Structure formats: structure tokens, C-alpha cells
Protein backbone atom coordinates (compact mmCIF):
# COMPACT_ATOMS: atom_id res chain seq x y z
CA ARG A 1 0.00 0.00 0.00
CA ASP A 2 1.43 3.34 -1.05
CA ILE A 3 0.64 6.71 0.45
CA VAL A 4 0.53 9.44 -2.15
CA ARG A 5 0.84 12.96 -0.81
CA VAL A 6 -0.87 15.51 -2.99
CA PRO A 7 0.39 19.08 -2.66
CA HIS A 8 -2.24 21.76 -2.31
CA GLY A 9 -2.44 25.48 -1.98
CA ALA A 10 -3.72 27.53 0.91
CA GLY A 11 -7.37 28.44 1.31
CA GLY A 12 -10.62 26.65 0.74
CA HIS A 13 -10.89 23.48 -1.31
CA PHE A 14 -7.14 22.85 -0.94
CA GLY A 15 -6.32 25.94 -2.96
CA GLY A 16 -8.92 25.28 -5.64
CA ASP A 17 -11.01 28.32 -4.73
CA VAL A 18 -8.56 30.70 -6.39
CA ALA A 19 -8.58 28.63 -9.59
CA LEU A 20 -12.38 28.45 -9.51
CA GLN A 21 -12.68 32.20 -9.00
CA MET A 22 -10.36 32.83 -11.93
CA MET A 23 -12.53 30.58 -14.13
CA LEU A 24 -15.71 32.38 -13.00
CA PHE A 25 -14.57 35.98 -12.94
CA GLY A 26 -11.74 35.89 -15.47
CA PRO A 27 -13.36 34.04 -18.38
CA GLU A 28 -10.92 35.49 -20.89
CA GLY A 29 -8.40 32.89 -19.70
CA SER A 30 -7.88 29.54 -21.35
CA ASP A 31 -9.95 26.47 -20.54
CA PRO A 32 -7.60 23.61 -21.44
CA LEU A 33 -9.74 20.95 -19.73
CA ASN A 34 -12.98 22.27 -21.25
CA GLN A 35 -14.53 22.73 -17.79
CA ARG A 36 -16.28 26.04 -18.32
CA ALA A 37 -20.04 25.67 -18.12
CA GLY A 38 -22.58 27.63 -20.09
CA SER A 39 -25.65 29.40 -18.76
CA ARG A 40 -27.85 26.30 -19.17
CA ALA A 41 -25.51 24.15 -17.08
CA GLY A 42 -25.37 26.89 -14.45
CA THR A 43 -29.16 27.14 -14.38
CA MET A 44 -29.54 23.38 -14.02
CA SER A 45 -27.00 23.37 -11.20
CA VAL A 46 -28.94 26.02 -9.27
CA LEU A 47 -32.23 24.20 -9.91
CA CYS A 48 -30.75 20.91 -8.66
CA GLY A 49 -29.75 22.60 -5.42
CA ALA A 50 -33.16 24.25 -5.03
CA ALA A 51 -34.89 20.95 -5.79
CA ALA A 52 -32.77 19.16 -3.20
CA VAL A 53 -33.75 21.66 -0.50
CA ASP A 54 -37.41 21.50 -1.55
CA SER A 55 -37.32 17.70 -1.61
CA ILE A 56 -35.97 17.57 1.93
CA ARG A 57 -38.63 20.01 3.15
CA ARG A 58 -41.52 18.23 1.42
CA LYS A 59 -40.13 14.72 1.97
CA LYS A 60 -40.77 13.77 -1.65
CA PRO A 61 -38.89 13.79 -4.97
CA ILE A 62 -38.89 16.96 -7.05
CA ASP A 63 -38.91 16.84 -10.87
CA VAL A 64 -36.12 19.27 -11.82
CA PRO A 65 -37.16 19.78 -15.49
CA SER A 66 -40.63 20.82 -14.30
CA LEU A 67 -39.01 23.73 -12.46
CA LEU A 68 -38.03 25.27 -15.79
CA GLY A 69 -41.70 26.08 -16.36
């Protein structure tokens, strides 16, 4: 069994917050891993979170596509 130590930067998410902020607020930069999401993916992400909270409150599943109206 090997132990692999992964270096990380300071701050939240092991230093990933700075990289995430640069991707969000500095979109003119490159996206070599093709990770940048469009507005639809962002909308669906927010709706999934809202549906999860609503599902917990109502104690039943929530149909995410139906939230798009």
C-alpha cells in the first residue's frame, strides 16, 4: 500500500477556490480541460440545489425539469 501525498495550496478546497474564482470571474483565460459551463448548465446546477432543498422540506422527490416552467 502506497501513500501518495498531494500538494495543495492555501485556502478553501485545498487551494482550488482561487482557480475556480479565476474561471468564473476571469473568463478570458484559457480552458484547457474544457470545464467552463454555459448558462444552461449553471441554471440546471442552481435548480438541482433548489430541488434538493425543496425535496428535503416536502419529503418527496422533485422533478427538476418541471421547475423550468
